Each structure stands twice: as C-alpha cells, then as structure tokens.
C-alpha atoms as a PDB file:
ATOM      1  CA  UNK A   1      30.391 -32.076 -35.487  1.00  0.00           C
ATOM      2  CA  UNK A   2      34.091 -31.897 -36.139  1.00  0.00           C
ATOM      3  CA  UNK A   3      36.092 -34.952 -35.138  1.00  0.00           C
ATOM      4  CA  UNK A   4      32.784 -36.855 -35.009  1.00  0.00           C
ATOM      5  CA  UNK A   5      32.426 -36.102 -31.296  1.00  0.00           C
ATOM      6  CA  UNK A   6      29.083 -35.331 -29.735  1.00  0.00           C
ATOM      7  CA  UNK A   7      28.502 -32.336 -27.494  1.00  0.00           C
ATOM      8  CA  UNK A   8      28.411 -34.723 -24.529  1.00  0.00           C
ATOM      9  CA  UNK A   9      31.830 -36.150 -25.445  1.00  0.00           C
ATOM     10  CA  UNK A  10      33.280 -32.688 -25.984  1.00  0.00           C
ATOM     11  CA  UNK A  11      31.960 -31.435 -22.640  1.00  0.00           C
ATOM     12  CA  UNK A  12      33.315 -34.536 -20.881  1.00  0.00           C
ATOM     13  CA  UNK A  13      36.722 -33.923 -22.477  1.00  0.00           C
ATOM     14  CA  UNK A  14      36.720 -30.233 -21.507  1.00  0.00           C
ATOM     15  CA  UNK A  15      35.813 -31.107 -17.907  1.00  0.00           C
ATOM     16  CA  UNK A  16      38.540 -33.749 -17.712  1.00  0.00           C
ATOM     17  CA  UNK A  17      41.159 -31.507 -19.402  1.00  0.00           C
ATOM     18  CA  UNK A  18      40.299 -28.782 -16.872  1.00  0.00           C
ATOM     19  CA  UNK A  19      41.313 -31.164 -14.076  1.00  0.00           C
ATOM     20  CA  UNK A  20      37.898 -32.323 -12.854  1.00  0.00           C
ATOM     21  CA  UNK A  21      36.496 -35.771 -12.266  1.00  0.00           C
ATOM     22  CA  UNK A  22      32.819 -35.015 -12.744  1.00  0.00           C
ATOM     23  CA  UNK A  23      30.124 -37.094 -14.367  1.00  0.00           C
ATOM     24  CA  UNK A  24      28.534 -35.434 -17.395  1.00  0.00           C
ATOM     25  CA  UNK A  25      25.098 -36.564 -18.594  1.00  0.00           C
ATOM     26  CA  UNK A  26      22.618 -35.493 -21.230  1.00  0.00           C
ATOM     27  CA  UNK A  27      19.223 -34.066 -20.198  1.00  0.00           C
ATOM     28  CA  UNK A  28      16.197 -33.233 -22.316  1.00  0.00           C
ATOM     29  CA  UNK A  29      14.452 -30.463 -20.417  1.00  0.00           C
ATOM     30  CA  UNK A  30      14.228 -26.691 -20.213  1.00  0.00           C
ATOM     31  CA  UNK A  31      16.499 -26.008 -17.236  1.00  0.00           C
ATOM     32  CA  UNK A  32      18.957 -24.310 -19.558  1.00  0.00           C
ATOM     33  CA  UNK A  33      22.084 -25.458 -21.288  1.00  0.00           C
ATOM     34  CA  UNK A  34      23.757 -26.969 -18.230  1.00  0.00           C
ATOM     35  CA  UNK A  35      23.394 -27.390 -14.485  1.00  0.00           C
ATOM     36  CA  UNK A  36      25.763 -28.547 -11.757  1.00  0.00           C
ATOM     37  CA  UNK A  37      24.605 -30.879  -8.991  1.00  0.00           C
ATOM     38  CA  UNK A  38      27.113 -30.735  -6.136  1.00  0.00           C
ATOM     39  CA  UNK A  39      25.525 -33.672  -4.318  1.00  0.00           C
ATOM     40  CA  UNK A  40      26.347 -35.981  -7.239  1.00  0.00           C
ATOM     41  CA  UNK A  41      29.445 -34.237  -8.677  1.00  0.00           C
ATOM     42  CA  UNK A  42      27.428 -34.065 -11.872  1.00  0.00           C
ATOM     43  CA  UNK A  43      27.027 -31.717 -14.813  1.00  0.00           C
ATOM     44  CA  UNK A  44      23.802 -32.129 -16.745  1.00  0.00           C
ATOM     45  CA  UNK A  45      23.697 -30.662 -20.235  1.00  0.00           C
ATOM     46  CA  UNK A  46      21.245 -30.156 -23.042  1.00  0.00           C
ATOM     47  CA  UNK A  47      23.137 -30.671 -26.331  1.00  0.00           C
ATOM     48  CA  UNK A  48      20.363 -29.164 -28.421  1.00  0.00           C
ATOM     49  CA  UNK A  49      20.536 -25.958 -26.367  1.00  0.00           C
ATOM     50  CA  UNK A  50      24.325 -25.816 -26.899  1.00  0.00           C
ATOM     51  CA  UNK A  51      23.849 -26.146 -30.648  1.00  0.00           C
ATOM     52  CA  UNK A  52      21.137 -23.469 -30.720  1.00  0.00           C
ATOM     53  CA  UNK A  53      23.310 -21.112 -28.661  1.00  0.00           C
ATOM     54  CA  UNK A  54      26.261 -21.622 -31.030  1.00  0.00           C
ATOM     55  CA  UNK A  55      24.083 -20.843 -34.024  1.00  0.00           C
ATOM     56  CA  UNK A  56      22.446 -17.834 -32.323  1.00  0.00           C
ATOM     57  CA  UNK A  57      25.754 -16.294 -31.261  1.00  0.00           C
ATOM     58  CA  UNK A  58      27.776 -17.289 -34.338  1.00  0.00           C
ATOM     59  CA  UNK A  59      30.176 -19.329 -32.204  1.00  0.00           C
ATOM     60  CA  UNK A  60      31.589 -22.806 -32.540  1.00  0.00           C
ATOM     61  CA  UNK A  61      30.227 -25.583 -30.343  1.00  0.00           C
ATOM     62  CA  UNK A  62      33.619 -25.726 -28.623  1.00  0.00           C
ATOM     63  CA  UNK A  63      33.431 -22.018 -27.754  1.00  0.00           C
ATOM     64  CA  UNK A  64      29.931 -22.448 -26.317  1.00  0.00           C
ATOM     65  CA  UNK A  65      31.174 -25.409 -24.301  1.00  0.00           C
ATOM     66  CA  UNK A  66      33.964 -23.302 -22.825  1.00  0.00           C
ATOM     67  CA  UNK A  67      31.569 -20.443 -22.026  1.00  0.00           C
ATOM     68  CA  UNK A  68      28.860 -22.556 -20.422  1.00  0.00           C
ATOM     69  CA  UNK A  69      30.834 -25.331 -18.770  1.00  0.00           C
ATOM     70  CA  UNK A  70      33.364 -22.919 -17.247  1.00  0.00           C
ATOM     71  CA  UNK A  71      30.484 -21.457 -15.226  1.00  0.00           C
ATOM     72  CA  UNK A  72      29.504 -24.960 -14.058  1.00  0.00           C
ATOM     73  CA  UNK A  73      33.117 -25.660 -13.089  1.00  0.00           C
ATOM     74  CA  UNK A  74      32.933 -22.442 -11.090  1.00  0.00           C
ATOM     75  CA  UNK A  75      30.077 -23.981  -9.128  1.00  0.00           C
ATOM     76  CA  UNK A  76      32.178 -27.107  -8.570  1.00  0.00           C
ATOM     77  CA  UNK A  77      34.986 -24.989  -7.083  1.00  0.00           C
ATOM     78  CA  UNK A  78      32.718 -22.724  -5.010  1.00  0.00           C
ATOM     79  CA  UNK A  79      33.625 -23.376  -1.371  1.00  0.00           C
ATOM     80  CA  UNK A  80      30.316 -21.905  -0.148  1.00  0.00           C
ATOM     81  CA  UNK A  81      27.980 -23.760  -2.516  1.00  0.00           C
ATOM     82  CA  UNK A  82      27.139 -26.668  -0.214  1.00  0.00           C
ATOM     83  CA  UNK A  83      26.583 -24.427   2.817  1.00  0.00           C
ATOM     84  CA  UNK A  84      24.481 -21.958   0.839  1.00  0.00           C
ATOM     85  CA  UNK A  85      22.440 -24.739  -0.813  1.00  0.00           C
ATOM     86  CA  UNK A  86      21.760 -26.271   2.577  1.00  0.00           C
ATOM     87  CA  UNK A  87      20.630 -22.877   3.867  1.00  0.00           C
ATOM     88  CA  UNK A  88      18.269 -22.509   0.902  1.00  0.00           C
ATOM     89  CA  UNK A  89      16.788 -25.910   1.763  1.00  0.00           C
ATOM     90  CA  UNK A  90      16.439 -24.812   5.402  1.00  0.00           C
ATOM     91  CA  UNK A  91      14.659 -21.601   4.346  1.00  0.00           C
ATOM     92  CA  UNK A  92      12.176 -23.633   2.291  1.00  0.00           C
ATOM     93  CA  UNK A  93      11.564 -25.732   5.398  1.00  0.00           C
ATOM     94  CA  UNK A  94      10.949 -22.572   7.446  1.00  0.00           C
ATOM     95  CA  UNK A  95       8.444 -21.423   4.816  1.00  0.00           C
ATOM     96  CA  UNK A  96       6.720 -24.793   5.060  1.00  0.00           C
ATOM     97  CA  UNK A  97       6.672 -24.704   8.866  1.00  0.00           C
ATOM     98  CA  UNK A  98       5.870 -21.063   9.557  1.00  0.00           C
ATOM     99  CA  UNK A  99       4.721 -19.495   6.297  1.00  0.00           C
ATOM    100  CA  UNK A 100       6.048 -17.264   3.580  1.00  0.00           C
ATOM    101  CA  UNK A 101       7.560 -13.837   4.223  1.00  0.00           C
ATOM    102  CA  UNK A 102       9.317 -11.386   1.945  1.00  0.00           C
ATOM    103  CA  UNK A 103      12.378 -11.698   4.169  1.00  0.00           C
ATOM    104  CA  UNK A 104      12.576 -15.448   3.507  1.00  0.00           C
ATOM    105  CA  UNK A 105      12.085 -14.924  -0.228  1.00  0.00           C
ATOM    106  CA  UNK A 106      14.835 -12.326  -0.253  1.00  0.00           C
ATOM    107  CA  UNK A 107      17.185 -14.715   1.538  1.00  0.00           C
ATOM    108  CA  UNK A 108      16.600 -17.430  -1.059  1.00  0.00           C
ATOM    109  CA  UNK A 109      17.242 -14.915  -3.849  1.00  0.00           C
ATOM    110  CA  UNK A 110      20.346 -13.573  -2.109  1.00  0.00           C
ATOM    111  CA  UNK A 111      21.859 -17.048  -1.702  1.00  0.00           C
ATOM    112  CA  UNK A 112      20.966 -18.117  -5.234  1.00  0.00           C
ATOM    113  CA  UNK A 113      22.441 -15.011  -6.815  1.00  0.00           C
ATOM    114  CA  UNK A 114      25.542 -15.307  -4.619  1.00  0.00           C
ATOM    115  CA  UNK A 115      26.109 -18.829  -5.961  1.00  0.00           C
ATOM    116  CA  UNK A 116      25.660 -17.665  -9.558  1.00  0.00           C
ATOM    117  CA  UNK A 117      28.012 -14.702  -9.104  1.00  0.00           C
ATOM    118  CA  UNK A 118      30.616 -16.952  -7.483  1.00  0.00           C
ATOM    119  CA  UNK A 119      30.392 -19.483 -10.325  1.00  0.00           C
ATOM    120  CA  UNK A 120      30.767 -16.631 -12.813  1.00  0.00           C
ATOM    121  CA  UNK A 121      33.846 -15.264 -11.050  1.00  0.00           C
ATOM    122  CA  UNK A 122      35.513 -18.605 -10.314  1.00  0.00           C
ATOM    123  CA  UNK A 123      34.684 -20.118 -13.705  1.00  0.00           C
ATOM    124  CA  UNK A 124      36.262 -17.196 -15.520  1.00  0.00           C
ATOM    125  CA  UNK A 125      39.687 -18.763 -15.001  1.00  0.00           C
ATOM    126  CA  UNK A 126      38.820 -21.417 -17.613  1.00  0.00           C
ATOM    127  CA  UNK A 127      37.800 -18.885 -20.277  1.00  0.00           C
ATOM    128  CA  UNK A 128      40.390 -17.658 -22.789  1.00  0.00           C
ATOM    129  CA  UNK A 129      40.811 -13.897 -23.018  1.00  0.00           C
ATOM    130  CA  UNK A 130      39.153 -13.609 -26.459  1.00  0.00           C
ATOM    131  CA  UNK A 131      35.906 -15.067 -25.028  1.00  0.00           C
ATOM    132  CA  UNK A 132      35.810 -13.103 -21.733  1.00  0.00           C
ATOM    133  CA  UNK A 133      33.408 -10.380 -22.904  1.00  0.00           C
ATOM    134  CA  UNK A 134      30.942 -12.970 -24.233  1.00  0.00           C
ATOM    135  CA  UNK A 135      31.330 -14.967 -20.996  1.00  0.00           C
ATOM    136  CA  UNK A 136      30.527 -11.874 -18.934  1.00  0.00           C
ATOM    137  CA  UNK A 137      27.459 -11.027 -21.050  1.00  0.00           C
ATOM    138  CA  UNK A 138      26.185 -14.596 -20.795  1.00  0.00           C
ATOM    139  CA  UNK A 139      26.599 -14.539 -17.025  1.00  0.00           C
ATOM    140  CA  UNK A 140      24.850 -11.174 -16.688  1.00  0.00           C
ATOM    141  CA  UNK A 141      21.927 -12.700 -18.555  1.00  0.00           C
ATOM    142  CA  UNK A 142      22.173 -15.827 -16.390  1.00  0.00           C
ATOM    143  CA  UNK A 143      21.797 -13.731 -13.216  1.00  0.00           C
ATOM    144  CA  UNK A 144      18.514 -12.299 -14.479  1.00  0.00           C
ATOM    145  CA  UNK A 145      17.283 -15.733 -15.539  1.00  0.00           C
ATOM    146  CA  UNK A 146      18.305 -17.225 -12.172  1.00  0.00           C
ATOM    147  CA  UNK A 147      16.319 -14.584 -10.330  1.00  0.00           C
ATOM    148  CA  UNK A 148      13.220 -15.289 -12.426  1.00  0.00           C
ATOM    149  CA  UNK A 149      13.676 -19.061 -12.091  1.00  0.00           C
ATOM    150  CA  UNK A 150      14.069 -18.769  -8.311  1.00  0.00           C
ATOM    151  CA  UNK A 151      10.922 -16.672  -7.941  1.00  0.00           C
ATOM    152  CA  UNK A 152       9.010 -19.235 -10.016  1.00  0.00           C
ATOM    153  CA  UNK A 153      10.466 -22.057  -7.915  1.00  0.00           C
ATOM    154  CA  UNK A 154       9.251 -20.410  -4.706  1.00  0.00           C
ATOM    155  CA  UNK A 155       5.832 -19.719  -6.215  1.00  0.00           C
ATOM    156  CA  UNK A 156       5.526 -23.367  -7.287  1.00  0.00           C
ATOM    157  CA  UNK A 157       6.564 -24.479  -3.798  1.00  0.00           C
ATOM    158  CA  UNK A 158       3.928 -22.221  -2.225  1.00  0.00           C
ATOM    159  CA  UNK A 159       1.313 -23.540  -4.642  1.00  0.00           C
ATOM    160  CA  UNK A 160       2.188 -27.122  -3.710  1.00  0.00           C
ATOM    161  CA  UNK A 161       1.942 -26.271  -0.004  1.00  0.00           C
ATOM    162  CA  UNK A 162      -1.467 -24.722  -0.590  1.00  0.00           C
ATOM    163  CA  UNK A 163      -2.649 -27.769  -2.548  1.00  0.00           C
ATOM    164  CA  UNK A 164      -1.326 -30.079   0.166  1.00  0.00           C
ATOM    165  CA  UNK A 165      -3.232 -28.127   2.820  1.00  0.00           C
ATOM    166  CA  UNK A 166      -6.457 -28.257   0.804  1.00  0.00           C
ATOM    167  CA  UNK A 167      -6.106 -32.029   0.400  1.00  0.00           C
ATOM    168  CA  UNK A 168      -5.474 -32.455   4.132  1.00  0.00           C
ATOM    169  CA  UNK A 169      -8.590 -30.414   4.870  1.00  0.00           C
ATOM    170  CA  UNK A 170     -10.644 -32.519   2.456  1.00  0.00           C
ATOM    171  CA  UNK A 171      -9.380 -35.701   4.115  1.00  0.00           C
ATOM    172  CA  UNK A 172     -10.276 -34.337   7.542  1.00  0.00           C
ATOM    173  CA  UNK A 173     -13.749 -33.425   6.280  1.00  0.00           C
ATOM    174  CA  UNK A 174     -14.222 -36.899   4.823  1.00  0.00           C
ATOM    175  CA  UNK A 175     -13.167 -38.417   8.122  1.00  0.00           C
ATOM    176  CA  UNK A 176     -15.513 -36.116  10.047  1.00  0.00           C
ATOM    177  CA  UNK A 177     -12.681 -34.285  11.776  1.00  0.00           C
ATOM    178  CA  UNK A 178     -12.932 -30.633  12.703  1.00  0.00           C
ATOM    179  CA  UNK A 179     -10.985 -28.255  10.472  1.00  0.00           C
END
C-alpha cells in the first residue's frame, strides 16, 4: 500500500474528507465490499474484496475506495433510507404474521432497489468525472446483486419461519397438545 496506509485507514480518511463523521470497521464476510448501517452511522468494509476488485478492474485501491464508498455515502445522505428500511422490517413482520405473498415480496424488492438507486444517484457527487462510467457500471451490477441477495434473504426468512413452526408443533406434540 502506498503511504503505508491500510484500506481501512484510507476509507476512514475518504469518509472524513468527504465531510462525514461515520465509523468505519473491517468485516470478514461475503456481504460484498462495503455496507452502510444507518442505525449505527457505520460503514463496514472488506479490505480483501477491495484489493481483489482493484486487481480485477486494473484500478488503484484509492480509485476502488472512491467508487465503492461513494455509494455508501449516498446511503448516508438518503433522506428516505430510514423510512424505507422501517417499512421493509414491517413487511417482514406482516409475512411472519399473515404469510407470504408475491405482493409483499415485490414491495421488499421495490424498497430495496429504490435505496440502491438512490445511493447510486446521491453518491455520484463524490466520484470524479474520469471514474463516472466505471461507477455507473458497478452500480448497475450492484442492482442485480441486490435483487438476488434480497430474494435469498426472503427465502431464508421463510425457511426460518417454517422451521420455527415445525419446532413449535413438535413441542406441542411432546406436551400432548392438539396441533
């Protein structure tokens, strides 16, 4: 790394230089290169993923930081993010209470993709002109990945609900209760 700075230090500097007071922490999982958690004013990043992306695209680490973190800063500035995230949580609760429908799934997808498109648009202000086309391509790809991730998230939620119901039924059976 040039200047001896880690990816985490570079991201923290970029966030601060962009006028934000956000906590930046390292993660070691497969949620992507970075995520923004509005409830904690937190950006989580995977340094290894940043380095792989730089190598794959023939970019410097600093360019990848600008491209990825600008999107996360877009989330931080999104005025609708909290409201939309709360609605997503409410829709999951409706699914838990009343059952899954395509309409509920579509609402979760709609809200998720709205948040990603807003972050893309808002975050673009932090991207220098010479990186805009790469930024747009990365965000187009991110929309597709977000849709897939969201569908998997809902499927996992439904699977957990099903498992929970089976366990409740087994407990009732063990206790001699009618199902």
